[in-house]
Protein backbone atom coordinates (compact mmCIF):
# COMPACT_ATOMS: atom_id res chain seq x y z
CA MET A 1 -33.47 322.06 56.00
CA LYS A 2 -30.49 320.86 54.53
CA ASP A 3 -30.41 318.18 57.17
CA ASP A 4 -33.55 316.85 55.80
CA LEU A 5 -31.97 315.73 52.77
CA ILE A 6 -29.90 312.12 52.44
CA SER A 7 -26.82 311.91 50.74
CA ARG A 8 -26.52 309.31 47.91
CA GLN A 9 -23.80 307.46 49.80
CA ASP A 10 -25.49 307.48 52.92
CA ALA A 11 -28.45 305.61 51.35
CA ILE A 12 -26.14 303.36 49.64
CA ASP A 13 -24.22 302.24 52.79
CA THR A 14 -27.62 301.72 54.72
CA LEU A 15 -29.25 299.45 51.92
CA ALA A 16 -25.48 297.95 52.08
CA GLU A 17 -25.96 296.61 55.55
CA TRP A 18 -29.41 294.79 54.35
CA ASN A 19 -27.03 292.45 52.52
CA ASP A 20 -28.87 292.76 49.14
CA ASP A 21 -26.34 293.22 46.23
CA ALA A 22 -28.97 293.63 43.75
CA ILE A 23 -29.93 296.68 45.54
CA THR A 24 -26.67 298.01 46.20
CA ASN A 25 -25.67 297.45 42.43
CA ARG A 26 -28.41 299.56 41.34
CA LEU A 27 -28.04 302.14 43.69
CA ASN A 28 -24.51 302.58 42.53
CA ASN A 29 -25.37 302.85 38.84
CA LEU A 30 -27.51 305.47 39.40
CA ALA A 31 -26.74 308.98 37.97
CA PRO A 32 -26.13 311.63 40.97
CA VAL A 33 -29.22 314.28 41.19
CA ASP A 34 -28.45 317.90 41.87
CA ALA A 35 -30.65 319.09 44.89
CA VAL A 36 -31.47 322.69 45.26
CA GLU A 37 -32.34 323.71 48.81
CA VAL A 38 -35.67 325.31 49.37
CA VAL A 39 -35.66 328.73 50.96
CA ARG A 40 -38.87 329.00 53.26
CA CYS A 41 -40.97 332.14 53.60
CA LYS A 42 -40.00 332.35 57.35
CA ASP A 43 -36.87 332.36 56.64
CA CYS A 44 -36.38 334.67 53.53
CA ILE A 45 -35.32 338.29 53.66
CA HIS A 46 -37.97 339.12 51.48
CA ARG A 47 -40.64 338.35 53.70
CA PRO A 48 -43.03 341.07 54.35
CA LYS A 49 -43.63 342.32 58.03
CA GLY A 50 -47.10 343.05 59.30
CA SER A 51 -50.40 340.30 59.82
CA ASN A 52 -53.09 341.84 57.56
CA ARG A 53 -53.15 343.56 53.85
CA ASP A 54 -53.72 347.06 55.44
CA ASP A 55 -50.00 347.08 57.28
CA LEU A 56 -47.74 344.93 55.53
CA GLU A 57 -44.14 346.14 55.02
CA PHE A 58 -41.95 345.00 52.22
CA PRO A 59 -38.19 345.08 52.63
CA ASP A 60 -37.73 345.15 48.76
CA GLU A 61 -39.35 344.85 45.42
CA GLU A 62 -38.60 340.90 45.34
CA CYS A 63 -41.20 339.21 47.03
CA PRO A 64 -44.01 337.88 44.61
CA CYS A 65 -46.71 338.68 47.13
CA GLN A 66 -46.42 342.29 46.69
CA CYS A 67 -48.40 343.89 43.73
CA GLU A 68 -49.02 347.28 42.87
CA ASP A 69 -52.49 347.36 44.00
CA PHE A 70 -51.74 346.89 47.82
CA TRP A 71 -55.35 345.73 48.29
CA TYR A 72 -53.79 342.34 46.80
CA ASN A 73 -50.82 342.30 48.84
CA TRP A 74 -50.68 338.92 50.94
CA LYS A 75 -48.35 337.52 53.83
CA PRO A 76 -47.48 333.67 52.96
CA ALA A 77 -47.57 330.91 55.39
CA ASP A 78 -44.16 330.04 57.07
CA GLU A 79 -43.42 327.03 54.85
CA TRP A 80 -44.45 328.88 51.55
CA TYR A 81 -41.61 329.02 49.31
CA CYS A 82 -40.81 330.64 45.75
CA GLY A 83 -37.94 331.16 43.39
CA ASN A 84 -36.83 334.53 44.88
CA GLY A 85 -36.19 333.49 48.22
CA ILE A 86 -32.95 334.13 49.98
CA ARG A 87 -31.71 332.88 53.21
CA LYS A 88 -31.59 335.75 55.84
CA ASP A 89 -28.08 334.58 57.13
CA ASP A 90 -27.06 334.36 53.40
CA GLU A 91 -27.64 337.94 52.52
CA GLN A 92 -25.33 338.52 49.19
CA ILE A 93 -27.26 340.98 47.49
């Protein structure tokens, strides 16, 4: 997902090629923005296994799609995300 982001400097350099000093000057004066990478459900260590409510297995208690009453458990779509996401290859629990 990190490849989807463009750096501030790349944007400045690209627009500078247009030879528009007004745009370049405005971009240089912008404050940098902190971007947080989103972990999609398909890449998360907390993602449940199974296909429907009756056979879902959650690896831990962190997924917000797991409820005390299993009837309300659900498996999110691949592109869904939440604040609990941890990428599978970043396992630092």
